[in-house]
């Protein structure tokens, strides 16, 4: 039977022009989508081929609450570990990295990673 696992992280309040980055470290064994919302508006969307094994970044400019949602579905029979790093680089400050790890996911297993950032 497939499993569902959700993990979430929150960052401190940051100033406009901060950069939000995320990376799904593995390249295969899953399909994924990601969406970045600011308040109730969608800012960006990505498909698996745009994000698997790549670092994706967005500059957060308008003031608001940003929500990054990454959905990952395993497609292999053999279990794999899926590692997601979400990083906030506040304007003029050091990067803050929040790792999320989904262990032993196989075909049909669903993982959801959510990150919250308030820009003020």
PDB file of N, CA and C in Angstrom:
ATOM      1  N   UNK A   1       0.835  -1.169   0.000  1.00  0.00           N
ATOM      2  CA  UNK A   1       0.000   0.000   0.000  1.00  0.00           C
ATOM      3  C   UNK A   1       0.890   1.247   0.000  1.00  0.00           C
ATOM      4  N   UNK A   2       0.499   2.233  -0.770  1.00  0.00           N
ATOM      5  CA  UNK A   2       1.251   3.486  -0.879  1.00  0.00           C
ATOM      6  C   UNK A   2       1.138   4.284   0.422  1.00  0.00           C
ATOM      7  N   UNK A   3       2.161   5.075   0.680  1.00  0.00           N
ATOM      8  CA  UNK A   3       2.151   5.928   1.872  1.00  0.00           C
ATOM      9  C   UNK A   3       2.137   7.394   1.459  1.00  0.00           C
ATOM     10  N   UNK A   4       1.719   8.236   2.400  1.00  0.00           N
ATOM     11  CA  UNK A   4       1.742   9.683   2.197  1.00  0.00           C
ATOM     12  C   UNK A   4       2.542  10.282   3.348  1.00  0.00           C
ATOM     13  N   UNK A   5       3.511  11.132   3.022  1.00  0.00           N
ATOM     14  CA  UNK A   5       4.308  11.797   4.050  1.00  0.00           C
ATOM     15  C   UNK A   5       4.420  13.277   3.717  1.00  0.00           C
ATOM     16  N   UNK A   6       4.193  14.118   4.746  1.00  0.00           N
ATOM     17  CA  UNK A   6       4.298  15.561   4.560  1.00  0.00           C
ATOM     18  C   UNK A   6       5.305  16.109   5.568  1.00  0.00           C
ATOM     19  N   UNK A   7       6.158  17.020   5.086  1.00  0.00           N
ATOM     20  CA  UNK A   7       7.077  17.740   5.958  1.00  0.00           C
ATOM     21  C   UNK A   7       6.969  19.217   5.632  1.00  0.00           C
ATOM     22  N   UNK A   8       7.125  20.056   6.655  1.00  0.00           N
ATOM     23  CA  UNK A   8       7.050  21.492   6.412  1.00  0.00           C
ATOM     24  C   UNK A   8       8.106  22.219   7.233  1.00  0.00           C
ATOM     25  N   UNK A   9       8.540  23.361   6.692  1.00  0.00           N
ATOM     26  CA  UNK A   9       9.511  24.215   7.362  1.00  0.00           C
ATOM     27  C   UNK A   9       9.038  25.658   7.241  1.00  0.00           C
ATOM     28  N   UNK A  10       9.515  26.493   8.149  1.00  0.00           N
ATOM     29  CA  UNK A  10       9.204  27.917   8.090  1.00  0.00           C
ATOM     30  C   UNK A  10      10.485  28.699   8.329  1.00  0.00           C
ATOM     31  N   UNK A  11      10.632  29.791   7.612  1.00  0.00           N
ATOM     32  CA  UNK A  11      11.788  30.660   7.752  1.00  0.00           C
ATOM     33  C   UNK A  11      11.387  31.920   8.508  1.00  0.00           C
ATOM     34  N   UNK A  12      12.386  32.604   9.073  1.00  0.00           N
ATOM     35  CA  UNK A  12      12.147  33.895   9.718  1.00  0.00           C
ATOM     36  C   UNK A  12      11.686  34.909   8.675  1.00  0.00           C
ATOM     37  N   UNK A  13      11.102  35.993   9.143  1.00  0.00           N
ATOM     38  CA  UNK A  13      10.690  37.077   8.249  1.00  0.00           C
ATOM     39  C   UNK A  13      11.910  37.625   7.534  1.00  0.00           C
ATOM     40  N   UNK A  14      11.786  37.866   6.232  1.00  0.00           N
ATOM     41  CA  UNK A  14      12.896  38.384   5.430  1.00  0.00           C
ATOM     42  C   UNK A  14      12.434  39.632   4.672  1.00  0.00           C
ATOM     43  N   UNK A  15      13.401  40.354   4.152  1.00  0.00           N
ATOM     44  CA  UNK A  15      13.110  41.586   3.411  1.00  0.00           C
ATOM     45  C   UNK A  15      12.893  41.272   1.927  1.00  0.00           C
ATOM     46  N   UNK A  16      12.225  42.165   1.200  1.00  0.00           N
ATOM     47  CA  UNK A  16      12.093  41.989  -0.246  1.00  0.00           C
ATOM     48  C   UNK A  16      13.459  41.823  -0.903  1.00  0.00           C
ATOM     49  N   UNK A  17      13.497  41.135  -2.016  1.00  0.00           N
ATOM     50  CA  UNK A  17      14.694  40.779  -2.781  1.00  0.00           C
ATOM     51  C   UNK A  17      15.474  39.641  -2.160  1.00  0.00           C
ATOM     52  N   UNK A  18      14.891  38.955  -1.167  1.00  0.00           N
ATOM     53  CA  UNK A  18      15.482  37.718  -0.672  1.00  0.00           C
ATOM     54  C   UNK A  18      15.267  36.641  -1.736  1.00  0.00           C
ATOM     55  N   UNK A  19      16.129  35.626  -1.729  1.00  0.00           N
ATOM     56  CA  UNK A  19      16.058  34.577  -2.747  1.00  0.00           C
ATOM     57  C   UNK A  19      15.677  33.250  -2.086  1.00  0.00           C
ATOM     58  N   UNK A  20      14.666  32.598  -2.628  1.00  0.00           N
ATOM     59  CA  UNK A  20      14.247  31.273  -2.182  1.00  0.00           C
ATOM     60  C   UNK A  20      14.747  30.266  -3.207  1.00  0.00           C
ATOM     61  N   UNK A  21      15.479  29.252  -2.722  1.00  0.00           N
ATOM     62  CA  UNK A  21      16.005  28.205  -3.607  1.00  0.00           C
ATOM     63  C   UNK A  21      15.518  26.853  -3.107  1.00  0.00           C
ATOM     64  N   UNK A  22      15.354  25.916  -4.039  1.00  0.00           N
ATOM     65  CA  UNK A  22      15.082  24.547  -3.626  1.00  0.00           C
ATOM     66  C   UNK A  22      15.741  23.579  -4.582  1.00  0.00           C
ATOM     67  N   UNK A  23      16.038  22.392  -4.046  1.00  0.00           N
ATOM     68  CA  UNK A  23      16.681  21.350  -4.849  1.00  0.00           C
ATOM     69  C   UNK A  23      16.167  19.990  -4.404  1.00  0.00           C
ATOM     70  N   UNK A  24      15.686  19.208  -5.375  1.00  0.00           N
ATOM     71  CA  UNK A  24      15.428  17.788  -5.150  1.00  0.00           C
ATOM     72  C   UNK A  24      16.694  17.104  -5.630  1.00  0.00           C
ATOM     73  N   UNK A  25      17.466  16.536  -4.713  1.00  0.00           N
ATOM     74  CA  UNK A  25      18.822  16.084  -5.050  1.00  0.00           C
ATOM     75  C   UNK A  25      18.842  14.894  -6.011  1.00  0.00           C
ATOM     76  N   UNK A  26      17.881  13.988  -5.883  1.00  0.00           N
ATOM     77  CA  UNK A  26      17.844  12.836  -6.775  1.00  0.00           C
ATOM     78  C   UNK A  26      17.338  13.269  -8.153  1.00  0.00           C
ATOM     79  N   UNK A  27      17.733  12.503  -9.170  1.00  0.00           N
ATOM     80  CA  UNK A  27      17.337  12.838 -10.538  1.00  0.00           C
ATOM     81  C   UNK A  27      16.298  11.877 -11.099  1.00  0.00           C
ATOM     82  N   UNK A  28      16.197  10.675 -10.530  1.00  0.00           N
ATOM     83  CA  UNK A  28      15.295   9.659 -11.083  1.00  0.00           C
ATOM     84  C   UNK A  28      14.559   8.926  -9.959  1.00  0.00           C
ATOM     85  N   UNK A  29      13.577   8.113 -10.349  1.00  0.00           N
ATOM     86  CA  UNK A  29      12.842   7.304  -9.390  1.00  0.00           C
ATOM     87  C   UNK A  29      11.566   7.961  -8.894  1.00  0.00           C
ATOM     88  N   UNK A  30      11.222   9.121  -9.437  1.00  0.00           N
ATOM     89  CA  UNK A  30      10.040   9.847  -8.989  1.00  0.00           C
ATOM     90  C   UNK A  30       9.605  10.819 -10.080  1.00  0.00           C
ATOM     91  N   UNK A  31       8.414  11.340  -9.930  1.00  0.00           N
ATOM     92  CA  UNK A  31       7.952  12.499 -10.693  1.00  0.00           C
ATOM     93  C   UNK A  31       7.588  13.562  -9.665  1.00  0.00           C
ATOM     94  N   UNK A  32       7.748  14.822 -10.051  1.00  0.00           N
ATOM     95  CA  UNK A  32       7.527  15.900  -9.086  1.00  0.00           C
ATOM     96  C   UNK A  32       6.940  17.130  -9.768  1.00  0.00           C
ATOM     97  N   UNK A  33       6.242  17.911  -8.967  1.00  0.00           N
ATOM     98  CA  UNK A  33       5.791  19.233  -9.382  1.00  0.00           C
ATOM     99  C   UNK A  33       6.052  20.172  -8.214  1.00  0.00           C
ATOM    100  N   UNK A  34       6.175  21.449  -8.524  1.00  0.00           N
ATOM    101  CA  UNK A  34       6.356  22.449  -7.471  1.00  0.00           C
ATOM    102  C   UNK A  34       5.583  23.699  -7.852  1.00  0.00           C
ATOM    103  N   UNK A  35       5.152  24.413  -6.810  1.00  0.00           N
ATOM    104  CA  UNK A  35       4.387  25.638  -7.025  1.00  0.00           C
ATOM    105  C   UNK A  35       4.762  26.630  -5.930  1.00  0.00           C
ATOM    106  N   UNK A  36       4.956  27.890  -6.329  1.00  0.00           N
ATOM    107  CA  UNK A  36       5.228  28.958  -5.376  1.00  0.00           C
ATOM    108  C   UNK A  36       4.067  29.937  -5.413  1.00  0.00           C
ATOM    109  N   UNK A  37       3.426  30.112  -4.262  1.00  0.00           N
ATOM    110  CA  UNK A  37       2.320  31.065  -4.136  1.00  0.00           C
ATOM    111  C   UNK A  37       2.756  32.237  -3.271  1.00  0.00           C
ATOM    112  N   UNK A  38       2.215  33.416  -3.589  1.00  0.00           N
ATOM    113  CA  UNK A  38       2.372  34.586  -2.729  1.00  0.00           C
ATOM    114  C   UNK A  38       0.960  34.992  -2.338  1.00  0.00           C
ATOM    115  N   UNK A  39       0.655  34.877  -1.042  1.00  0.00           N
ATOM    116  CA  UNK A  39      -0.707  35.047  -0.555  1.00  0.00           C
ATOM    117  C   UNK A  39      -1.628  34.089  -1.324  1.00  0.00           C
ATOM    118  N   UNK A  40      -2.527  34.576  -2.160  1.00  0.00           N
ATOM    119  CA  UNK A  40      -3.421  33.656  -2.891  1.00  0.00           C
ATOM    120  C   UNK A  40      -3.077  33.542  -4.374  1.00  0.00           C
ATOM    121  N   UNK A  41      -2.010  34.208  -4.809  1.00  0.00           N
ATOM    122  CA  UNK A  41      -1.625  34.190  -6.223  1.00  0.00           C
ATOM    123  C   UNK A  41      -0.461  33.247  -6.470  1.00  0.00           C
ATOM    124  N   UNK A  42      -0.516  32.508  -7.571  1.00  0.00           N
ATOM    125  CA  UNK A  42       0.592  31.641  -7.954  1.00  0.00           C
ATOM    126  C   UNK A  42       1.649  32.478  -8.663  1.00  0.00           C
ATOM    127  N   UNK A  43       2.888  32.369  -8.169  1.00  0.00           N
ATOM    128  CA  UNK A  43       4.019  33.118  -8.715  1.00  0.00           C
ATOM    129  C   UNK A  43       4.749  32.298  -9.782  1.00  0.00           C
ATOM    130  N   UNK A  44       4.914  30.987  -9.520  1.00  0.00           N
ATOM    131  CA  UNK A  44       5.647  30.123 -10.454  1.00  0.00           C
ATOM    132  C   UNK A  44       5.210  28.679 -10.267  1.00  0.00           C
ATOM    133  N   UNK A  45       5.360  27.887 -11.350  1.00  0.00           N
ATOM    134  CA  UNK A  45       5.077  26.448 -11.333  1.00  0.00           C
ATOM    135  C   UNK A  45       6.197  25.741 -12.074  1.00  0.00           C
ATOM    136  N   UNK A  46       6.524  24.513 -11.639  1.00  0.00           N
ATOM    137  CA  UNK A  46       7.561  23.738 -12.295  1.00  0.00           C
ATOM    138  C   UNK A  46       7.109  22.287 -12.433  1.00  0.00           C
ATOM    139  N   UNK A  47       7.567  21.641 -13.515  1.00  0.00           N
ATOM    140  CA  UNK A  47       7.338  20.214 -13.736  1.00  0.00           C
ATOM    141  C   UNK A  47       8.627  19.463 -13.433  1.00  0.00           C
ATOM    142  N   UNK A  48       8.503  18.152 -13.349  1.00  0.00           N
ATOM    143  CA  UNK A  48       9.605  17.278 -12.960  1.00  0.00           C
ATOM    144  C   UNK A  48      10.902  17.544 -13.724  1.00  0.00           C
ATOM    145  N   UNK A  49      10.802  17.649 -15.038  1.00  0.00           N
ATOM    146  CA  UNK A  49      12.017  17.811 -15.842  1.00  0.00           C
ATOM    147  C   UNK A  49      12.729  19.141 -15.579  1.00  0.00           C
ATOM    148  N   UNK A  50      12.023  20.104 -15.006  1.00  0.00           N
ATOM    149  CA  UNK A  50      12.612  21.410 -14.700  1.00  0.00           C
ATOM    150  C   UNK A  50      13.266  21.448 -13.320  1.00  0.00           C
ATOM    151  N   UNK A  51      12.937  20.476 -12.447  1.00  0.00           N
ATOM    152  CA  UNK A  51      13.404  20.565 -11.062  1.00  0.00           C
ATOM    153  C   UNK A  51      14.198  19.365 -10.560  1.00  0.00           C
ATOM    154  N   UNK A  52      14.058  18.194 -11.167  1.00  0.00           N
ATOM    155  CA  UNK A  52      14.746  17.000 -10.662  1.00  0.00           C
ATOM    156  C   UNK A  52      16.255  17.159 -10.803  1.00  0.00           C
ATOM    157  N   UNK A  53      16.953  17.109  -9.675  1.00  0.00           N
ATOM    158  CA  UNK A  53      18.409  17.199  -9.672  1.00  0.00           C
ATOM    159  C   UNK A  53      18.954  18.585  -9.960  1.00  0.00           C
ATOM    160  N   UNK A  54      18.102  19.598  -9.908  1.00  0.00           N
ATOM    161  CA  UNK A  54      18.525  20.968 -10.237  1.00  0.00           C
ATOM    162  C   UNK A  54      18.225  21.908  -9.082  1.00  0.00           C
ATOM    163  N   UNK A  55      18.975  23.004  -9.016  1.00  0.00           N
ATOM    164  CA  UNK A  55      18.674  24.063  -8.057  1.00  0.00           C
ATOM    165  C   UNK A  55      17.783  25.081  -8.765  1.00  0.00           C
ATOM    166  N   UNK A  56      16.635  25.357  -8.175  1.00  0.00           N
ATOM    167  CA  UNK A  56      15.673  26.306  -8.722  1.00  0.00           C
ATOM    168  C   UNK A  56      15.617  27.485  -7.760  1.00  0.00           C
ATOM    169  N   UNK A  57      15.600  28.701  -8.299  1.00  0.00           N
ATOM    170  CA  UNK A  57      15.537  29.854  -7.401  1.00  0.00           C
ATOM    171  C   UNK A  57      14.585  30.917  -7.912  1.00  0.00           C
ATOM    172  N   UNK A  58      13.993  31.619  -6.953  1.00  0.00           N
ATOM    173  CA  UNK A  58      13.073  32.720  -7.237  1.00  0.00           C
ATOM    174  C   UNK A  58      13.387  33.863  -6.279  1.00  0.00           C
ATOM    175  N   UNK A  59      13.425  35.078  -6.804  1.00  0.00           N
ATOM    176  CA  UNK A  59      13.592  36.260  -5.964  1.00  0.00           C
ATOM    177  C   UNK A  59      12.217  36.699  -5.470  1.00  0.00           C
ATOM    178  N   UNK A  60      12.112  36.866  -4.161  1.00  0.00           N
ATOM    179  CA  UNK A  60      10.846  37.230  -3.532  1.00  0.00           C
ATOM    180  C   UNK A  60      10.823  38.739  -3.346  1.00  0.00           C
ATOM    181  N   UNK A  61      10.014  39.431  -4.153  1.00  0.00           N
ATOM    182  CA  UNK A  61      10.044  40.893  -4.152  1.00  0.00           C
ATOM    183  C   UNK A  61       8.849  41.497  -3.413  1.00  0.00           C
ATOM    184  N   UNK A  62       7.615  41.267  -3.851  1.00  0.00           N
ATOM    185  CA  UNK A  62       6.522  41.938  -3.139  1.00  0.00           C
ATOM    186  C   UNK A  62       6.394  41.409  -1.704  1.00  0.00           C
ATOM    187  N   UNK A  63       5.915  42.267  -0.825  1.00  0.00           N
ATOM    188  CA  UNK A  63       5.632  41.883   0.554  1.00  0.00           C
ATOM    189  C   UNK A  63       4.462  40.897   0.557  1.00  0.00           C
ATOM    190  N   UNK A  64       4.577  39.826   1.359  1.00  0.00           N
ATOM    191  CA  UNK A  64       3.499  38.854   1.466  1.00  0.00           C
ATOM    192  C   UNK A  64       3.982  37.556   2.071  1.00  0.00           C
ATOM    193  N   UNK A  65       3.078  36.605   2.202  1.00  0.00           N
ATOM    194  CA  UNK A  65       3.415  35.270   2.682  1.00  0.00           C
ATOM    195  C   UNK A  65       3.584  34.349   1.481  1.00  0.00           C
ATOM    196  N   UNK A  66       4.780  33.802   1.334  1.00  0.00           N
ATOM    197  CA  UNK A  66       5.096  32.892   0.234  1.00  0.00           C
ATOM    198  C   UNK A  66       5.019  31.452   0.740  1.00  0.00           C
ATOM    199  N   UNK A  67       4.431  30.599  -0.084  1.00  0.00           N
ATOM    200  CA  UNK A  67       4.329  29.182   0.231  1.00  0.00           C
ATOM    201  C   UNK A  67       4.865  28.388  -0.949  1.00  0.00           C
ATOM    202  N   UNK A  68       5.925  27.614  -0.703  1.00  0.00           N
ATOM    203  CA  UNK A  68       6.480  26.706  -1.709  1.00  0.00           C
ATOM    204  C   UNK A  68       5.957  25.315  -1.403  1.00  0.00           C
ATOM    205  N   UNK A  69       5.317  24.702  -2.388  1.00  0.00           N
ATOM    206  CA  UNK A  69       4.775  23.355  -2.229  1.00  0.00           C
ATOM    207  C   UNK A  69       5.387  22.445  -3.280  1.00  0.00           C
ATOM    208  N   UNK A  70       6.044  21.394  -2.820  1.00  0.00           N
ATOM    209  CA  UNK A  70       6.673  20.420  -3.720  1.00  0.00           C
ATOM    210  C   UNK A  70       5.972  19.084  -3.498  1.00  0.00           C
ATOM    211  N   UNK A  71       5.448  18.505  -4.582  1.00  0.00           N
ATOM    212  CA  UNK A  71       4.805  17.189  -4.513  1.00  0.00           C
ATOM    213  C   UNK A  71       5.663  16.202  -5.284  1.00  0.00           C
ATOM    214  N   UNK A  72       5.946  15.067  -4.646  1.00  0.00           N
ATOM    215  CA  UNK A  72       6.815  14.049  -5.239  1.00  0.00           C
ATOM    216  C   UNK A  72       6.106  12.706  -5.143  1.00  0.00           C
ATOM    217  N   UNK A  73       6.088  11.968  -6.253  1.00  0.00           N
ATOM    218  CA  UNK A  73       5.474  10.643  -6.263  1.00  0.00           C
ATOM    219  C   UNK A  73       6.526   9.641  -6.736  1.00  0.00           C
ATOM    220  N   UNK A  74       6.784   8.630  -5.904  1.00  0.00           N
ATOM    221  CA  UNK A  74       7.730   7.577  -6.278  1.00  0.00           C
ATOM    222  C   UNK A  74       7.198   6.747  -7.427  1.00  0.00           C
ATOM    223  N   UNK A  75       8.118   6.284  -8.302  1.00  0.00           N
ATOM    224  CA  UNK A  75       7.691   5.465  -9.444  1.00  0.00           C
ATOM    225  C   UNK A  75       8.460   4.142  -9.548  1.00  0.00           C
ATOM    226  N   UNK A  76       9.443   3.917  -8.683  1.00  0.00           N
ATOM    227  CA  UNK A  76      10.224   2.679  -8.720  1.00  0.00           C
ATOM    228  C   UNK A  76       9.624   1.617  -7.808  1.00  0.00           C
ATOM    229  N   UNK A  77       9.866   0.330  -8.144  1.00  0.00           N
ATOM    230  CA  UNK A  77       9.495  -0.747  -7.228  1.00  0.00           C
ATOM    231  C   UNK A  77      10.450  -0.769  -6.038  1.00  0.00           C
ATOM    232  N   UNK A  78      11.727  -0.512  -6.312  1.00  0.00           N
ATOM    233  CA  UNK A  78      12.724  -0.492  -5.234  1.00  0.00           C
ATOM    234  C   UNK A  78      12.650   0.854  -4.504  1.00  0.00           C
ATOM    235  N   UNK A  79      12.685   0.831  -3.168  1.00  0.00           N
ATOM    236  CA  UNK A  79      12.601   2.089  -2.422  1.00  0.00           C
ATOM    237  C   UNK A  79      13.839   2.967  -2.624  1.00  0.00           C
ATOM    238  N   UNK A  80      13.616   4.287  -2.618  1.00  0.00           N
ATOM    239  CA  UNK A  80      14.708   5.259  -2.703  1.00  0.00           C
ATOM    240  C   UNK A  80      14.504   6.327  -1.634  1.00  0.00           C
ATOM    241  N   UNK A  81      15.595   6.974  -1.274  1.00  0.00           N
ATOM    242  CA  UNK A  81      15.518   8.132  -0.391  1.00  0.00           C
ATOM    243  C   UNK A  81      15.452   9.378  -1.256  1.00  0.00           C
ATOM    244  N   UNK A  82      14.597  10.313  -0.879  1.00  0.00           N
ATOM    245  CA  UNK A  82      14.441  11.559  -1.628  1.00  0.00           C
ATOM    246  C   UNK A  82      14.782  12.711  -0.685  1.00  0.00           C
ATOM    247  N   UNK A  83      15.778  13.490  -1.064  1.00  0.00           N
ATOM    248  CA  UNK A  83      16.251  14.600  -0.241  1.00  0.00           C
ATOM    249  C   UNK A  83      15.915  15.920  -0.915  1.00  0.00           C
ATOM    250  N   UNK A  84      15.306  16.820  -0.145  1.00  0.00           N
ATOM    251  CA  UNK A  84      14.920  18.138  -0.635  1.00  0.00           C
ATOM    252  C   UNK A  84      15.560  19.182   0.276  1.00  0.00           C
ATOM    253  N   UNK A  85      16.291  20.116  -0.310  1.00  0.00           N
ATOM    254  CA  UNK A  85      16.822  21.252   0.444  1.00  0.00           C
ATOM    255  C   UNK A  85      16.088  22.509   0.013  1.00  0.00           C
ATOM    256  N   UNK A  86      15.599  23.266   0.984  1.00  0.00           N
ATOM    257  CA  UNK A  86      14.988  24.562   0.714  1.00  0.00           C
ATOM    258  C   UNK A  86      15.865  25.597   1.410  1.00  0.00           C
ATOM    259  N   UNK A  87      16.284  26.614   0.666  1.00  0.00           N
ATOM    260  CA  UNK A  87      17.213  27.615   1.178  1.00  0.00           C
ATOM    261  C   UNK A  87      16.627  29.002   1.000  1.00  0.00           C
ATOM    262  N   UNK A  88      16.748  29.815   2.043  1.00  0.00           N
ATOM    263  CA  UNK A  88      16.390  31.227   1.942  1.00  0.00           C
ATOM    264  C   UNK A  88      17.664  32.029   2.095  1.00  0.00           C
ATOM    265  N   UNK A  89      17.907  32.913   1.135  1.00  0.00           N
ATOM    266  CA  UNK A  89      19.048  33.827   1.204  1.00  0.00           C
ATOM    267  C   UNK A  89      18.456  35.218   1.415  1.00  0.00           C
ATOM    268  N   UNK A  90      18.337  35.637   2.698  1.00  0.00           N
ATOM    269  CA  UNK A  90      17.778  36.963   2.964  1.00  0.00           C
ATOM    270  C   UNK A  90      18.675  38.043   2.387  1.00  0.00           C
ATOM    271  N   UNK A  91      18.083  39.099   1.915  1.00  0.00           N
ATOM    272  CA  UNK A  91      18.827  40.199   1.316  1.00  0.00           C
ATOM    273  C   UNK A  91      19.911  40.687   2.280  1.00  0.00           C
ATOM    274  N   UNK A  92      21.185  40.525   1.867  1.00  0.00           N
ATOM    275  CA  UNK A  92      22.320  40.996   2.654  1.00  0.00           C
ATOM    276  C   UNK A  92      22.704  40.119   3.827  1.00  0.00           C
ATOM    277  N   UNK A  93      22.163  38.895   3.932  1.00  0.00           N
ATOM    278  CA  UNK A  93      22.462  38.020   5.070  1.00  0.00           C
ATOM    279  C   UNK A  93      22.889  36.642   4.585  1.00  0.00           C
ATOM    280  N   UNK A  94      23.324  35.804   5.546  1.00  0.00           N
ATOM    281  CA  UNK A  94      23.771  34.440   5.235  1.00  0.00           C
ATOM    282  C   UNK A  94      22.579  33.543   4.897  1.00  0.00           C
ATOM    283  N   UNK A  95      22.836  32.546   4.066  1.00  0.00           N
ATOM    284  CA  UNK A  95      21.801  31.596   3.651  1.00  0.00           C
ATOM    285  C   UNK A  95      21.330  30.745   4.825  1.00  0.00           C
ATOM    286  N   UNK A  96      20.042  30.432   4.830  1.00  0.00           N
ATOM    287  CA  UNK A  96      19.439  29.530   5.815  1.00  0.00           C
ATOM    288  C   UNK A  96      18.942  28.308   5.049  1.00  0.00           C
ATOM    289  N   UNK A  97      19.469  27.130   5.386  1.00  0.00           N
ATOM    290  CA  UNK A  97      19.105  25.895   4.676  1.00  0.00           C
ATOM    291  C   UNK A  97      18.232  25.034   5.583  1.00  0.00           C
ATOM    292  N   UNK A  98      17.128  24.544   5.032  1.00  0.00           N
ATOM    293  CA  UNK A  98      16.221  23.643   5.742  1.00  0.00           C
ATOM    294  C   UNK A  98      16.102  22.352   4.925  1.00  0.00           C
ATOM    295  N   UNK A  99      16.726  21.256   5.387  1.00  0.00           N
ATOM    296  CA  UNK A  99      16.608  19.984   4.661  1.00  0.00           C
ATOM    297  C   UNK A  99      15.347  19.210   5.047  1.00  0.00           C
ATOM    298  N   UNK A 100      14.796  18.506   4.073  1.00  0.00           N
ATOM    299  CA  UNK A 100      13.692  17.581   4.315  1.00  0.00           C
ATOM    300  C   UNK A 100      14.071  16.263   3.662  1.00  0.00           C
ATOM    301  N   UNK A 101      13.877  15.164   4.389  1.00  0.00           N
ATOM    302  CA  UNK A 101      14.305  13.862   3.900  1.00  0.00           C
ATOM    303  C   UNK A 101      13.142  12.888   3.950  1.00  0.00           C
ATOM    304  N   UNK A 102      12.871  12.255   2.814  1.00  0.00           N
ATOM    305  CA  UNK A 102      11.824  11.251   2.710  1.00  0.00           C
ATOM    306  C   UNK A 102      12.532   9.914   2.465  1.00  0.00           C
ATOM    307  N   UNK A 103      12.412   8.985   3.397  1.00  0.00           N
ATOM    308  CA  UNK A 103      13.167   7.730   3.360  1.00  0.00           C
ATOM    309  C   UNK A 103      12.364   6.581   2.776  1.00  0.00           C
ATOM    310  N   UNK A 104      13.046   5.776   1.969  1.00  0.00           N
ATOM    311  CA  UNK A 104      12.531   4.508   1.440  1.00  0.00           C
ATOM    312  C   UNK A 104      11.178   4.649   0.765  1.00  0.00           C
ATOM    313  N   UNK A 105      11.097   5.552  -0.218  1.00  0.00           N
ATOM    314  CA  UNK A 105       9.861   5.760  -0.970  1.00  0.00           C
ATOM    315  C   UNK A 105       9.892   4.925  -2.245  1.00  0.00           C
ATOM    316  N   UNK A 106       8.752   4.306  -2.551  1.00  0.00           N
ATOM    317  CA  UNK A 106       8.662   3.461  -3.744  1.00  0.00           C
ATOM    318  C   UNK A 106       7.439   3.845  -4.554  1.00  0.00           C
ATOM    319  N   UNK A 107       7.177   3.106  -5.614  1.00  0.00           N
ATOM    320  CA  UNK A 107       6.088   3.420  -6.526  1.00  0.00           C
ATOM    321  C   UNK A 107       4.775   3.680  -5.821  1.00  0.00           C
ATOM    322  N   UNK A 108       4.178   4.830  -6.108  1.00  0.00           N
ATOM    323  CA  UNK A 108       2.900   5.198  -5.538  1.00  0.00           C
ATOM    324  C   UNK A 108       2.995   5.998  -4.248  1.00  0.00           C
ATOM    325  N   UNK A 109       4.147   5.953  -3.579  1.00  0.00           N
ATOM    326  CA  UNK A 109       4.305   6.738  -2.354  1.00  0.00           C
ATOM    327  C   UNK A 109       4.300   8.227  -2.702  1.00  0.00           C
ATOM    328  N   UNK A 110       3.646   9.017  -1.870  1.00  0.00           N
ATOM    329  CA  UNK A 110       3.510  10.457  -2.117  1.00  0.00           C
ATOM    330  C   UNK A 110       4.220  11.223  -1.007  1.00  0.00           C
ATOM    331  N   UNK A 111       5.040  12.193  -1.408  1.00  0.00           N
ATOM    332  CA  UNK A 111       5.744  13.059  -0.476  1.00  0.00           C
ATOM    333  C   UNK A 111       5.340  14.496  -0.780  1.00  0.00           C
ATOM    334  N   UNK A 112       5.171  15.283   0.269  1.00  0.00           N
ATOM    335  CA  UNK A 112       4.839  16.686   0.094  1.00  0.00           C
ATOM    336  C   UNK A 112       5.752  17.508   1.000  1.00  0.00           C
ATOM    337  N   UNK A 113       6.492  18.435   0.402  1.00  0.00           N
ATOM    338  CA  UNK A 113       7.373  19.330   1.137  1.00  0.00           C
ATOM    339  C   UNK A 113       6.806  20.735   1.017  1.00  0.00           C
ATOM    340  N   UNK A 114       6.627  21.413   2.153  1.00  0.00           N
ATOM    341  CA  UNK A 114       6.061  22.757   2.152  1.00  0.00           C
ATOM    342  C   UNK A 114       6.989  23.676   2.928  1.00  0.00           C
ATOM    343  N   UNK A 115       7.255  24.858   2.357  1.00  0.00           N
ATOM    344  CA  UNK A 115       8.078  25.873   3.032  1.00  0.00           C
ATOM    345  C   UNK A 115       7.337  27.194   3.033  1.00  0.00           C
ATOM    346  N   UNK A 116       7.396  27.890   4.166  1.00  0.00           N
ATOM    347  CA  UNK A 116       6.739  29.170   4.331  1.00  0.00           C
ATOM    348  C   UNK A 116       7.789  30.270   4.546  1.00  0.00           C
ATOM    349  N   UNK A 117       7.601  31.404   3.861  1.00  0.00           N
ATOM    350  CA  UNK A 117       8.477  32.556   4.025  1.00  0.00           C
ATOM    351  C   UNK A 117       7.614  33.810   4.040  1.00  0.00           C
ATOM    352  N   UNK A 118       7.802  34.628   5.045  1.00  0.00           N
ATOM    353  CA  UNK A 118       7.110  35.911   5.105  1.00  0.00           C
ATOM    354  C   UNK A 118       8.071  37.017   4.683  1.00  0.00           C
ATOM    355  N   UNK A 119       7.687  37.799   3.688  1.00  0.00           N
ATOM    356  CA  UNK A 119       8.486  38.916   3.219  1.00  0.00           C
ATOM    357  C   UNK A 119       7.798  40.194   3.708  1.00  0.00           C
ATOM    358  N   UNK A 120       8.537  40.986   4.479  1.00  0.00           N
ATOM    359  CA  UNK A 120       7.947  42.208   5.042  1.00  0.00           C
ATOM    360  C   UNK A 120       8.959  43.347   5.030  1.00  0.00           C
TER     361      UNK A 120
END
